[in-house]
Amino acid sequence: MSTIRGSDLLSETIEPIAKVIQQTLGVSEELAEATSVEITTLFAHLWGGQVVYIPKGVCIQASKLHHKIYDDWTGRNHHEVATKHGVSVQHVYAVVKRMRLAIIARDQRDLFAPPEEE
């Protein structure tokens, strides 16, 4: 890929973002790079000139793992799921409990919420 050369954060992100776009969407190298440039230009517009802290994404990675654990869980395979994902059985129980509560909260209406106006 022929990326814009530079030593700033935005220039250094163009190529990795383009690779993810190309691999995920299966588009041409040129389209992936052009899209990556558009994304980094948007970042520059939104946050240019500001001091921005970028977290390592631990919560996102944990969320992905939690979804994988919950998807693999059948109700009787806690040990198997724990071994597959390299976590403890107790962690599988905790993840399943959190995921179930999150699904219930998402799908169930609040009985005490004010009625929605139409």
PDB file of N, CA and C in Angstrom:
ATOM      1  N   MET A   1       0.833  -1.188   0.000  1.00  0.00           N
ATOM      2  CA  MET A   1       0.000   0.000   0.000  1.00  0.00           C
ATOM      3  C   MET A   1       0.868   1.239   0.000  1.00  0.00           C
ATOM      4  N   SER A   2       0.475   2.197  -0.755  1.00  0.00           N
ATOM      5  CA  SER A   2       1.230   3.445  -0.766  1.00  0.00           C
ATOM      6  C   SER A   2       0.528   4.431   0.147  1.00  0.00           C
ATOM      7  N   THR A   3       1.047   4.585   1.334  1.00  0.00           N
ATOM      8  CA  THR A   3       0.415   5.473   2.298  1.00  0.00           C
ATOM      9  C   THR A   3       1.107   6.817   2.320  1.00  0.00           C
ATOM     10  N   ILE A   4       0.426   7.774   2.892  1.00  0.00           N
ATOM     11  CA  ILE A   4       1.002   9.092   3.088  1.00  0.00           C
ATOM     12  C   ILE A   4       2.053   8.964   4.178  1.00  0.00           C
ATOM     13  N   ARG A   5       3.237   9.431   3.904  1.00  0.00           N
ATOM     14  CA  ARG A   5       4.322   9.309   4.869  1.00  0.00           C
ATOM     15  C   ARG A   5       4.288  10.464   5.847  1.00  0.00           C
ATOM     16  N   GLY A   6       4.613  10.177   7.069  1.00  0.00           N
ATOM     17  CA  GLY A   6       4.669  11.187   8.106  1.00  0.00           C
ATOM     18  C   GLY A   6       4.908  10.514   9.432  1.00  0.00           C
ATOM     19  N   SER A   7       5.175  11.297  10.420  1.00  0.00           N
ATOM     20  CA  SER A   7       5.474  10.697  11.716  1.00  0.00           C
ATOM     21  C   SER A   7       4.386  10.970  12.732  1.00  0.00           C
ATOM     22  N   ASP A   8       3.272  11.568  12.311  1.00  0.00           N
ATOM     23  CA  ASP A   8       2.228  11.824  13.290  1.00  0.00           C
ATOM     24  C   ASP A   8       1.291  10.623  13.426  1.00  0.00           C
ATOM     25  N   LEU A   9       0.514  10.659  14.459  1.00  0.00           N
ATOM     26  CA  LEU A   9      -0.389   9.556  14.788  1.00  0.00           C
ATOM     27  C   LEU A   9      -1.329   9.225  13.632  1.00  0.00           C
ATOM     28  N   LEU A  10      -1.900  10.240  13.000  1.00  0.00           N
ATOM     29  CA  LEU A  10      -2.854   9.986  11.925  1.00  0.00           C
ATOM     30  C   LEU A  10      -2.203   9.299  10.732  1.00  0.00           C
ATOM     31  N   SER A  11      -1.017   9.767  10.357  1.00  0.00           N
ATOM     32  CA  SER A  11      -0.320   9.153   9.224  1.00  0.00           C
ATOM     33  C   SER A  11       0.025   7.697   9.516  1.00  0.00           C
ATOM     34  N   GLU A  12       0.373   7.418  10.762  1.00  0.00           N
ATOM     35  CA  GLU A  12       0.764   6.061  11.129  1.00  0.00           C
ATOM     36  C   GLU A  12      -0.427   5.105  11.225  1.00  0.00           C
ATOM     37  N   THR A  13      -1.641   5.648  11.278  1.00  0.00           N
ATOM     38  CA  THR A  13      -2.818   4.779  11.391  1.00  0.00           C
ATOM     39  C   THR A  13      -3.437   4.430  10.041  1.00  0.00           C
ATOM     40  N   ILE A  14      -3.075   5.141   9.004  1.00  0.00           N
ATOM     41  CA  ILE A  14      -3.706   4.913   7.694  1.00  0.00           C
ATOM     42  C   ILE A  14      -3.515   3.475   7.216  1.00  0.00           C
ATOM     43  N   GLU A  15      -2.300   2.990   7.215  1.00  0.00           N
ATOM     44  CA  GLU A  15      -2.036   1.644   6.692  1.00  0.00           C
ATOM     45  C   GLU A  15      -2.715   0.540   7.511  1.00  0.00           C
ATOM     46  N   PRO A  16      -2.591   0.545   8.857  1.00  0.00           N
ATOM     47  CA  PRO A  16      -3.272  -0.521   9.616  1.00  0.00           C
ATOM     48  C   PRO A  16      -4.792  -0.494   9.467  1.00  0.00           C
ATOM     49  N   ILE A  17      -5.363   0.699   9.431  1.00  0.00           N
ATOM     50  CA  ILE A  17      -6.819   0.793   9.239  1.00  0.00           C
ATOM     51  C   ILE A  17      -7.194   0.269   7.855  1.00  0.00           C
ATOM     52  N   ALA A  18      -6.415   0.622   6.852  1.00  0.00           N
ATOM     53  CA  ALA A  18      -6.685   0.145   5.486  1.00  0.00           C
ATOM     54  C   ALA A  18      -6.624  -1.375   5.420  1.00  0.00           C
ATOM     55  N   LYS A  19      -5.654  -1.983   6.097  1.00  0.00           N
ATOM     56  CA  LYS A  19      -5.556  -3.448   6.102  1.00  0.00           C
ATOM     57  C   LYS A  19      -6.787  -4.086   6.732  1.00  0.00           C
ATOM     58  N   VAL A  20      -7.255  -3.516   7.834  1.00  0.00           N
ATOM     59  CA  VAL A  20      -8.464  -4.053   8.488  1.00  0.00           C
ATOM     60  C   VAL A  20      -9.667  -3.906   7.563  1.00  0.00           C
ATOM     61  N   ILE A  21      -9.789  -2.762   6.925  1.00  0.00           N
ATOM     62  CA  ILE A  21     -10.907  -2.543   5.995  1.00  0.00           C
ATOM     63  C   ILE A  21     -10.854  -3.560   4.862  1.00  0.00           C
ATOM     64  N   GLN A  22      -9.678  -3.742   4.294  1.00  0.00           N
ATOM     65  CA  GLN A  22      -9.527  -4.669   3.170  1.00  0.00           C
ATOM     66  C   GLN A  22      -9.844  -6.100   3.595  1.00  0.00           C
ATOM     67  N   GLN A  23      -9.328  -6.535   4.743  1.00  0.00           N
ATOM     68  CA  GLN A  23      -9.560  -7.902   5.205  1.00  0.00           C
ATOM     69  C   GLN A  23     -11.002  -8.126   5.627  1.00  0.00           C
ATOM     70  N   THR A  24     -11.583  -7.147   6.297  1.00  0.00           N
ATOM     71  CA  THR A  24     -12.946  -7.307   6.812  1.00  0.00           C
ATOM     72  C   THR A  24     -13.996  -7.225   5.718  1.00  0.00           C
ATOM     73  N   LEU A  25     -13.825  -6.254   4.828  1.00  0.00           N
ATOM     74  CA  LEU A  25     -14.849  -6.023   3.812  1.00  0.00           C
ATOM     75  C   LEU A  25     -14.527  -6.648   2.463  1.00  0.00           C
ATOM     76  N   GLY A  26     -13.276  -7.090   2.286  1.00  0.00           N
ATOM     77  CA  GLY A  26     -12.887  -7.713   1.029  1.00  0.00           C
ATOM     78  C   GLY A  26     -12.874  -6.756  -0.145  1.00  0.00           C
ATOM     79  N   VAL A  27     -12.532  -5.501   0.122  1.00  0.00           N
ATOM     80  CA  VAL A  27     -12.484  -4.506  -0.952  1.00  0.00           C
ATOM     81  C   VAL A  27     -11.058  -4.381  -1.477  1.00  0.00           C
ATOM     82  N   SER A  28     -10.901  -3.651  -2.558  1.00  0.00           N
ATOM     83  CA  SER A  28      -9.580  -3.472  -3.158  1.00  0.00           C
ATOM     84  C   SER A  28      -8.670  -2.685  -2.220  1.00  0.00           C
ATOM     85  N   GLU A  29      -7.381  -2.831  -2.454  1.00  0.00           N
ATOM     86  CA  GLU A  29      -6.380  -2.110  -1.665  1.00  0.00           C
ATOM     87  C   GLU A  29      -6.577  -0.598  -1.798  1.00  0.00           C
ATOM     88  N   GLU A  30      -6.878  -0.152  -3.004  1.00  0.00           N
ATOM     89  CA  GLU A  30      -7.056   1.272  -3.254  1.00  0.00           C
ATOM     90  C   GLU A  30      -8.267   1.824  -2.505  1.00  0.00           C
ATOM     91  N   LEU A  31      -9.389   1.107  -2.543  1.00  0.00           N
ATOM     92  CA  LEU A  31     -10.592   1.554  -1.848  1.00  0.00           C
ATOM     93  C   LEU A  31     -10.371   1.546  -0.337  1.00  0.00           C
ATOM     94  N   ALA A  32      -9.696   0.515   0.152  1.00  0.00           N
ATOM     95  CA  ALA A  32      -9.414   0.434   1.587  1.00  0.00           C
ATOM     96  C   ALA A  32      -8.556   1.609   2.037  1.00  0.00           C
ATOM     97  N   GLU A  33      -7.538   1.939   1.245  1.00  0.00           N
ATOM     98  CA  GLU A  33      -6.660   3.066   1.613  1.00  0.00           C
ATOM     99  C   GLU A  33      -7.421   4.389   1.554  1.00  0.00           C
ATOM    100  N   ALA A  34      -8.222   4.572   0.513  1.00  0.00           N
ATOM    101  CA  ALA A  34      -9.000   5.816   0.391  1.00  0.00           C
ATOM    102  C   ALA A  34      -9.965   5.966   1.571  1.00  0.00           C
ATOM    103  N   THR A  35     -10.593   4.878   1.964  1.00  0.00           N
ATOM    104  CA  THR A  35     -11.505   4.906   3.104  1.00  0.00           C
ATOM    105  C   THR A  35     -10.742   5.205   4.385  1.00  0.00           C
ATOM    106  N   SER A  36      -9.576   4.602   4.532  1.00  0.00           N
ATOM    107  CA  SER A  36      -8.742   4.854   5.703  1.00  0.00           C
ATOM    108  C   SER A  36      -8.331   6.317   5.797  1.00  0.00           C
ATOM    109  N   VAL A  37      -7.984   6.911   4.664  1.00  0.00           N
ATOM    110  CA  VAL A  37      -7.628   8.336   4.645  1.00  0.00           C
ATOM    111  C   VAL A  37      -8.828   9.179   5.066  1.00  0.00           C
ATOM    112  N   GLU A  38     -10.025   8.823   4.594  1.00  0.00           N
ATOM    113  CA  GLU A  38     -11.242   9.545   4.988  1.00  0.00           C
ATOM    114  C   GLU A  38     -11.485   9.440   6.486  1.00  0.00           C
ATOM    115  N   ILE A  39     -11.277   8.244   7.047  1.00  0.00           N
ATOM    116  CA  ILE A  39     -11.476   8.038   8.482  1.00  0.00           C
ATOM    117  C   ILE A  39     -10.482   8.873   9.286  1.00  0.00           C
ATOM    118  N   THR A  40      -9.214   8.843   8.895  1.00  0.00           N
ATOM    119  CA  THR A  40      -8.213   9.601   9.646  1.00  0.00           C
ATOM    120  C   THR A  40      -8.430  11.109   9.476  1.00  0.00           C
ATOM    121  N   THR A  41      -8.930  11.524   8.324  1.00  0.00           N
ATOM    122  CA  THR A  41      -9.267  12.938   8.132  1.00  0.00           C
ATOM    123  C   THR A  41     -10.409  13.338   9.069  1.00  0.00           C
ATOM    124  N   LEU A  42     -11.381  12.454   9.234  1.00  0.00           N
ATOM    125  CA  LEU A  42     -12.476  12.701  10.172  1.00  0.00           C
ATOM    126  C   LEU A  42     -11.943  12.817  11.598  1.00  0.00           C
ATOM    127  N   PHE A  43     -11.037  11.913  11.983  1.00  0.00           N
ATOM    128  CA  PHE A  43     -10.418  12.005  13.311  1.00  0.00           C
ATOM    129  C   PHE A  43      -9.745  13.359  13.497  1.00  0.00           C
ATOM    130  N   ALA A  44      -9.014  13.795  12.483  1.00  0.00           N
ATOM    131  CA  ALA A  44      -8.317  15.083  12.561  1.00  0.00           C
ATOM    132  C   ALA A  44      -9.326  16.222  12.738  1.00  0.00           C
ATOM    133  N   HIS A  45     -10.432  16.147  12.010  1.00  0.00           N
ATOM    134  CA  HIS A  45     -11.460  17.180  12.117  1.00  0.00           C
ATOM    135  C   HIS A  45     -12.105  17.174  13.507  1.00  0.00           C
ATOM    136  N   LEU A  46     -12.402  15.982  14.025  1.00  0.00           N
ATOM    137  CA  LEU A  46     -13.087  15.886  15.315  1.00  0.00           C
ATOM    138  C   LEU A  46     -12.189  16.240  16.495  1.00  0.00           C
ATOM    139  N   TRP A  47     -10.936  15.779  16.462  1.00  0.00           N
ATOM    140  CA  TRP A  47     -10.078  15.912  17.632  1.00  0.00           C
ATOM    141  C   TRP A  47      -8.769  16.640  17.373  1.00  0.00           C
ATOM    142  N   GLY A  48      -8.592  17.197  16.194  1.00  0.00           N
ATOM    143  CA  GLY A  48      -7.344  17.868  15.856  1.00  0.00           C
ATOM    144  C   GLY A  48      -7.012  18.988  16.819  1.00  0.00           C
ATOM    145  N   GLY A  49      -5.781  19.024  17.266  1.00  0.00           N
ATOM    146  CA  GLY A  49      -5.316  20.064  18.170  1.00  0.00           C
ATOM    147  C   GLY A  49      -5.596  19.796  19.632  1.00  0.00           C
ATOM    148  N   GLN A  50      -6.296  18.736  19.930  1.00  0.00           N
ATOM    149  CA  GLN A  50      -6.618  18.398  21.317  1.00  0.00           C
ATOM    150  C   GLN A  50      -5.670  17.328  21.832  1.00  0.00           C
ATOM    151  N   VAL A  51      -5.518  17.316  23.135  1.00  0.00           N
ATOM    152  CA  VAL A  51      -4.783  16.232  23.764  1.00  0.00           C
ATOM    153  C   VAL A  51      -5.812  15.139  24.029  1.00  0.00           C
ATOM    154  N   VAL A  52      -5.616  13.995  23.393  1.00  0.00           N
ATOM    155  CA  VAL A  52      -6.590  12.917  23.476  1.00  0.00           C
ATOM    156  C   VAL A  52      -5.916  11.678  24.051  1.00  0.00           C
ATOM    157  N   TYR A  53      -6.547  11.105  25.063  1.00  0.00           N
ATOM    158  CA  TYR A  53      -6.074   9.833  25.619  1.00  0.00           C
ATOM    159  C   TYR A  53      -6.794   8.717  24.891  1.00  0.00           C
ATOM    160  N   ILE A  54      -6.058   7.756  24.378  1.00  0.00           N
ATOM    161  CA  ILE A  54      -6.660   6.623  23.683  1.00  0.00           C
ATOM    162  C   ILE A  54      -6.472   5.391  24.558  1.00  0.00           C
ATOM    163  N   PRO A  55      -7.561   4.842  25.100  1.00  0.00           N
ATOM    164  CA  PRO A  55      -7.443   3.652  25.937  1.00  0.00           C
ATOM    165  C   PRO A  55      -7.022   2.445  25.108  1.00  0.00           C
ATOM    166  N   LYS A  56      -6.565   1.418  25.784  1.00  0.00           N
ATOM    167  CA  LYS A  56      -6.078   0.221  25.093  1.00  0.00           C
ATOM    168  C   LYS A  56      -7.209  -0.684  24.611  1.00  0.00           C
ATOM    169  N   GLY A  57      -8.432  -0.367  24.931  1.00  0.00           N
ATOM    170  CA  GLY A  57      -9.561  -1.148  24.445  1.00  0.00           C
ATOM    171  C   GLY A  57      -9.806  -2.425  25.223  1.00  0.00           C
ATOM    172  N   VAL A  58      -9.385  -2.439  26.482  1.00  0.00           N
ATOM    173  CA  VAL A  58      -9.556  -3.635  27.306  1.00  0.00           C
ATOM    174  C   VAL A  58     -11.029  -3.996  27.439  1.00  0.00           C
ATOM    175  N   CYS A  59     -11.882  -2.998  27.596  1.00  0.00           N
ATOM    176  CA  CYS A  59     -13.319  -3.275  27.738  1.00  0.00           C
ATOM    177  C   CYS A  59     -13.904  -3.890  26.475  1.00  0.00           C
ATOM    178  N   ILE A  60     -13.460  -3.406  25.330  1.00  0.00           N
ATOM    179  CA  ILE A  60     -13.951  -3.953  24.060  1.00  0.00           C
ATOM    180  C   ILE A  60     -13.520  -5.410  23.927  1.00  0.00           C
ATOM    181  N   GLN A  61     -12.246  -5.680  24.226  1.00  0.00           N
ATOM    182  CA  GLN A  61     -11.749  -7.049  24.121  1.00  0.00           C
ATOM    183  C   GLN A  61     -12.463  -7.966  25.113  1.00  0.00           C
ATOM    184  N   ALA A  62     -12.686  -7.454  26.337  1.00  0.00           N
ATOM    185  CA  ALA A  62     -13.399  -8.256  27.337  1.00  0.00           C
ATOM    186  C   ALA A  62     -14.820  -8.530  26.870  1.00  0.00           C
ATOM    187  N   SER A  63     -15.458  -7.539  26.277  1.00  0.00           N
ATOM    188  CA  SER A  63     -16.814  -7.714  25.788  1.00  0.00           C
ATOM    189  C   SER A  63     -16.870  -8.776  24.694  1.00  0.00           C
ATOM    190  N   LYS A  64     -15.897  -8.747  23.778  1.00  0.00           N
ATOM    191  CA  LYS A  64     -15.849  -9.761  22.722  1.00  0.00           C
ATOM    192  C   LYS A  64     -15.683 -11.152  23.333  1.00  0.00           C
ATOM    193  N   LEU A  65     -14.791 -11.259  24.303  1.00  0.00           N
ATOM    194  CA  LEU A  65     -14.572 -12.548  24.966  1.00  0.00           C
ATOM    195  C   LEU A  65     -15.831 -12.993  25.687  1.00  0.00           C
ATOM    196  N   HIS A  66     -16.507 -12.072  26.359  1.00  0.00           N
ATOM    197  CA  HIS A  66     -17.738 -12.428  27.080  1.00  0.00           C
ATOM    198  C   HIS A  66     -18.796 -12.952  26.117  1.00  0.00           C
ATOM    199  N   HIS A  67     -18.912 -12.322  24.969  1.00  0.00           N
ATOM    200  CA  HIS A  67     -19.884 -12.799  23.978  1.00  0.00           C
ATOM    201  C   HIS A  67     -19.509 -14.191  23.469  1.00  0.00           C
ATOM    202  N   LYS A  68     -18.220 -14.425  23.250  1.00  0.00           N
ATOM    203  CA  LYS A  68     -17.779 -15.746  22.794  1.00  0.00           C
ATOM    204  C   LYS A  68     -18.062 -16.798  23.865  1.00  0.00           C
ATOM    205  N   ILE A  69     -17.770 -16.465  25.119  1.00  0.00           N
ATOM    206  CA  ILE A  69     -18.032 -17.397  26.226  1.00  0.00           C
ATOM    207  C   ILE A  69     -19.517 -17.708  26.290  1.00  0.00           C
ATOM    208  N   TYR A  70     -20.345 -16.673  26.249  1.00  0.00           N
ATOM    209  CA  TYR A  70     -21.789 -16.885  26.348  1.00  0.00           C
ATOM    210  C   TYR A  70     -22.320 -17.677  25.157  1.00  0.00           C
ATOM    211  N   ASP A  71     -21.803 -17.404  23.978  1.00  0.00           N
ATOM    212  CA  ASP A  71     -22.236 -18.140  22.786  1.00  0.00           C
ATOM    213  C   ASP A  71     -21.851 -19.612  22.860  1.00  0.00           C
ATOM    214  N   ASP A  72     -20.700 -19.919  23.457  1.00  0.00           N
ATOM    215  CA  ASP A  72     -20.233 -21.306  23.562  1.00  0.00           C
ATOM    216  C   ASP A  72     -20.905 -22.066  24.709  1.00  0.00           C
ATOM    217  N   TRP A  73     -21.476 -21.347  25.648  1.00  0.00           N
ATOM    218  CA  TRP A  73     -22.054 -21.957  26.838  1.00  0.00           C
ATOM    219  C   TRP A  73     -23.411 -22.587  26.515  1.00  0.00           C
ATOM    220  N   THR A  74     -23.590 -23.838  26.948  1.00  0.00           N
ATOM    221  CA  THR A  74     -24.855 -24.539  26.704  1.00  0.00           C
ATOM    222  C   THR A  74     -25.659 -24.749  27.980  1.00  0.00           C
ATOM    223  N   GLY A  75     -25.066 -24.423  29.118  1.00  0.00           N
ATOM    224  CA  GLY A  75     -25.736 -24.634  30.392  1.00  0.00           C
ATOM    225  C   GLY A  75     -25.112 -25.779  31.166  1.00  0.00           C
ATOM    226  N   ARG A  76     -24.366 -26.622  30.474  1.00  0.00           N
ATOM    227  CA  ARG A  76     -23.754 -27.787  31.122  1.00  0.00           C
ATOM    228  C   ARG A  76     -22.277 -27.958  30.759  1.00  0.00           C
ATOM    229  N   ASN A  77     -21.682 -26.944  30.194  1.00  0.00           N
ATOM    230  CA  ASN A  77     -20.304 -27.102  29.728  1.00  0.00           C
ATOM    231  C   ASN A  77     -19.366 -26.019  30.264  1.00  0.00           C
ATOM    232  N   HIS A  78     -19.547 -25.633  31.500  1.00  0.00           N
ATOM    233  CA  HIS A  78     -18.728 -24.572  32.094  1.00  0.00           C
ATOM    234  C   HIS A  78     -17.233 -24.893  32.018  1.00  0.00           C
ATOM    235  N   HIS A  79     -16.873 -26.132  32.338  1.00  0.00           N
ATOM    236  CA  HIS A  79     -15.455 -26.520  32.326  1.00  0.00           C
ATOM    237  C   HIS A  79     -14.880 -26.470  30.912  1.00  0.00           C
ATOM    238  N   GLU A  80     -15.639 -26.961  29.965  1.00  0.00           N
ATOM    239  CA  GLU A  80     -15.192 -26.952  28.566  1.00  0.00           C
ATOM    240  C   GLU A  80     -14.985 -25.526  28.056  1.00  0.00           C
ATOM    241  N   VAL A  81     -15.932 -24.647  28.367  1.00  0.00           N
ATOM    242  CA  VAL A  81     -15.836 -23.249  27.927  1.00  0.00           C
ATOM    243  C   VAL A  81     -14.648 -22.564  28.611  1.00  0.00           C
ATOM    244  N   ALA A  82     -14.465 -22.836  29.891  1.00  0.00           N
ATOM    245  CA  ALA A  82     -13.339 -22.237  30.618  1.00  0.00           C
ATOM    246  C   ALA A  82     -12.011 -22.663  30.001  1.00  0.00           C
ATOM    247  N   THR A  83     -11.877 -23.930  29.688  1.00  0.00           N
ATOM    248  CA  THR A  83     -10.647 -24.438  29.087  1.00  0.00           C
ATOM    249  C   THR A  83     -10.433 -23.824  27.698  1.00  0.00           C
ATOM    250  N   LYS A  84     -11.491 -23.783  26.898  1.00  0.00           N
ATOM    251  CA  LYS A  84     -11.389 -23.250  25.538  1.00  0.00           C
ATOM    252  C   LYS A  84     -10.907 -21.800  25.527  1.00  0.00           C
ATOM    253  N   HIS A  85     -11.383 -21.000  26.476  1.00  0.00           N
ATOM    254  CA  HIS A  85     -11.082 -19.570  26.473  1.00  0.00           C
ATOM    255  C   HIS A  85      -9.984 -19.182  27.465  1.00  0.00           C
ATOM    256  N   GLY A  86      -9.433 -20.157  28.170  1.00  0.00           N
ATOM    257  CA  GLY A  86      -8.324 -19.883  29.077  1.00  0.00           C
ATOM    258  C   GLY A  86      -8.708 -19.061  30.290  1.00  0.00           C
ATOM    259  N   VAL A  87      -9.906 -19.288  30.795  1.00  0.00           N
ATOM    260  CA  VAL A  87     -10.378 -18.589  31.991  1.00  0.00           C
ATOM    261  C   VAL A  87     -10.814 -19.622  33.019  1.00  0.00           C
ATOM    262  N   SER A  88     -11.097 -19.169  34.238  1.00  0.00           N
ATOM    263  CA  SER A  88     -11.540 -20.086  35.281  1.00  0.00           C
ATOM    264  C   SER A  88     -13.023 -20.406  35.116  1.00  0.00           C
ATOM    265  N   VAL A  89     -13.429 -21.498  35.721  1.00  0.00           N
ATOM    266  CA  VAL A  89     -14.845 -21.882  35.700  1.00  0.00           C
ATOM    267  C   VAL A  89     -15.674 -20.801  36.396  1.00  0.00           C
ATOM    268  N   GLN A  90     -15.136 -20.241  37.478  1.00  0.00           N
ATOM    269  CA  GLN A  90     -15.840 -19.168  38.192  1.00  0.00           C
ATOM    270  C   GLN A  90     -16.051 -17.957  37.280  1.00  0.00           C
ATOM    271  N   HIS A  91     -15.065 -17.685  36.439  1.00  0.00           N
ATOM    272  CA  HIS A  91     -15.198 -16.563  35.500  1.00  0.00           C
ATOM    273  C   HIS A  91     -16.311 -16.846  34.489  1.00  0.00           C
ATOM    274  N   VAL A  92     -16.409 -18.072  34.025  1.00  0.00           N
ATOM    275  CA  VAL A  92     -17.490 -18.439  33.097  1.00  0.00           C
ATOM    276  C   VAL A  92     -18.843 -18.219  33.775  1.00  0.00           C
ATOM    277  N   TYR A  93     -18.976 -18.660  35.019  1.00  0.00           N
ATOM    278  CA  TYR A  93     -20.233 -18.435  35.756  1.00  0.00           C
ATOM    279  C   TYR A  93     -20.556 -16.942  35.844  1.00  0.00           C
ATOM    280  N   ALA A  94     -19.547 -16.131  36.167  1.00  0.00           N
ATOM    281  CA  ALA A  94     -19.757 -14.690  36.310  1.00  0.00           C
ATOM    282  C   ALA A  94     -20.148 -14.054  34.973  1.00  0.00           C
ATOM    283  N   VAL A  95     -19.488 -14.458  33.903  1.00  0.00           N
ATOM    284  CA  VAL A  95     -19.796 -13.916  32.579  1.00  0.00           C
ATOM    285  C   VAL A  95     -21.212 -14.301  32.167  1.00  0.00           C
ATOM    286  N   VAL A  96     -21.573 -15.548  32.361  1.00  0.00           N
ATOM    287  CA  VAL A  96     -22.919 -16.006  31.999  1.00  0.00           C
ATOM    288  C   VAL A  96     -23.961 -15.219  32.780  1.00  0.00           C
ATOM    289  N   LYS A  97     -23.717 -15.011  34.062  1.00  0.00           N
ATOM    290  CA  LYS A  97     -24.664 -14.259  34.888  1.00  0.00           C
ATOM    291  C   LYS A  97     -24.807 -12.825  34.373  1.00  0.00           C
ATOM    292  N   ARG A  98     -23.670 -12.159  34.087  1.00  0.00           N
ATOM    293  CA  ARG A  98     -23.705 -10.780  33.585  1.00  0.00           C
ATOM    294  C   ARG A  98     -24.392 -10.693  32.230  1.00  0.00           C
ATOM    295  N   MET A  99     -24.088 -11.642  31.362  1.00  0.00           N
ATOM    296  CA  MET A  99     -24.684 -11.611  30.029  1.00  0.00           C
ATOM    297  C   MET A  99     -26.199 -11.847  30.110  1.00  0.00           C
ATOM    298  N   ARG A 100     -26.613 -12.758  30.949  1.00  0.00           N
ATOM    299  CA  ARG A 100     -28.055 -13.011  31.093  1.00  0.00           C
ATOM    300  C   ARG A 100     -28.771 -11.771  31.610  1.00  0.00           C
ATOM    301  N   LEU A 101     -28.177 -11.108  32.608  1.00  0.00           N
ATOM    302  CA  LEU A 101     -28.778  -9.887  33.147  1.00  0.00           C
ATOM    303  C   LEU A 101     -28.831  -8.787  32.091  1.00  0.00           C
ATOM    304  N   ALA A 102     -27.781  -8.684  31.279  1.00  0.00           N
ATOM    305  CA  ALA A 102     -27.751  -7.671  30.226  1.00  0.00           C
ATOM    306  C   ALA A 102     -28.829  -7.946  29.179  1.00  0.00           C
ATOM    307  N   ILE A 103     -29.028  -9.208  28.847  1.00  0.00           N
ATOM    308  CA  ILE A 103     -30.056  -9.573  27.859  1.00  0.00           C
ATOM    309  C   ILE A 103     -31.441  -9.291  28.414  1.00  0.00           C
ATOM    310  N   ILE A 104     -31.648  -9.616  29.670  1.00  0.00           N
ATOM    311  CA  ILE A 104     -32.945  -9.338  30.300  1.00  0.00           C
ATOM    312  C   ILE A 104     -33.198  -7.837  30.330  1.00  0.00           C
ATOM    313  N   ALA A 105     -32.189  -7.055  30.722  1.00  0.00           N
ATOM    314  CA  ALA A 105     -32.345  -5.598  30.789  1.00  0.00           C
ATOM    315  C   ALA A 105     -32.645  -5.021  29.406  1.00  0.00           C
ATOM    316  N   ARG A 106     -32.030  -5.587  28.380  1.00  0.00           N
ATOM    317  CA  ARG A 106     -32.241  -5.100  27.027  1.00  0.00           C
ATOM    318  C   ARG A 106     -33.644  -5.442  26.519  1.00  0.00           C
ATOM    319  N   ASP A 107     -34.121  -6.647  26.842  1.00  0.00           N
ATOM    320  CA  ASP A 107     -35.365  -7.148  26.259  1.00  0.00           C
ATOM    321  C   ASP A 107     -36.617  -6.872  27.078  1.00  0.00           C
ATOM    322  N   GLN A 108     -36.440  -6.585  28.349  1.00  0.00           N
ATOM    323  CA  GLN A 108     -37.601  -6.437  29.220  1.00  0.00           C
ATOM    324  C   GLN A 108     -37.876  -4.970  29.495  1.00  0.00           C
ATOM    325  N   ARG A 109     -39.119  -4.578  29.397  1.00  0.00           N
ATOM    326  CA  ARG A 109     -39.492  -3.192  29.666  1.00  0.00           C
ATOM    327  C   ARG A 109     -39.484  -2.926  31.157  1.00  0.00           C
ATOM    328  N   ASP A 110     -39.198  -1.688  31.514  1.00  0.00           N
ATOM    329  CA  ASP A 110     -39.202  -1.256  32.912  1.00  0.00           C
ATOM    330  C   ASP A 110     -40.642  -0.981  33.331  1.00  0.00           C
ATOM    331  N   LEU A 111     -41.125  -1.676  34.355  1.00  0.00           N
ATOM    332  CA  LEU A 111     -42.510  -1.507  34.814  1.00  0.00           C
ATOM    333  C   LEU A 111     -42.753  -0.140  35.433  1.00  0.00           C
ATOM    334  N   PHE A 112     -41.702   0.500  35.919  1.00  0.00           N
ATOM    335  CA  PHE A 112     -41.866   1.763  36.615  1.00  0.00           C
ATOM    336  C   PHE A 112     -41.448   2.975  35.788  1.00  0.00           C
ATOM    337  N   ALA A 113     -41.104   2.757  34.541  1.00  0.00           N
ATOM    338  CA  ALA A 113     -40.722   3.859  33.664  1.00  0.00           C
ATOM    339  C   ALA A 113     -41.971   4.624  33.248  1.00  0.00           C
ATOM    340  N   PRO A 114     -41.854   5.928  33.064  1.00  0.00           N
ATOM    341  CA  PRO A 114     -43.028   6.694  32.612  1.00  0.00           C
ATOM    342  C   PRO A 114     -43.452   6.200  31.233  1.00  0.00           C
ATOM    343  N   PRO A 115     -44.733   6.259  30.942  1.00  0.00           N
ATOM    344  CA  PRO A 115     -45.210   5.760  29.645  1.00  0.00           C
ATOM    345  C   PRO A 115     -44.621   6.590  28.499  1.00  0.00           C
ATOM    346  N   GLU A 116     -44.345   5.885  27.406  1.00  0.00           N
ATOM    347  CA  GLU A 116     -43.787   6.539  26.227  1.00  0.00           C
ATOM    348  C   GLU A 116     -44.863   7.311  25.504  1.00  0.00           C
ATOM    349  N   GLU A 117     -44.513   8.515  25.081  1.00  0.00           N
ATOM    350  CA  GLU A 117     -45.471   9.321  24.326  1.00  0.00           C
ATOM    351  C   GLU A 117     -45.336   8.996  22.851  1.00  0.00           C
ATOM    352  N   GLU A 118     -46.442   8.969  22.172  1.00  0.00           N
ATOM    353  CA  GLU A 118     -46.424   8.660  20.742  1.00  0.00           C
ATOM    354  C   GLU A 118     -46.648   9.891  19.929  1.00  0.00           C
TER     355      GLU A 118
END
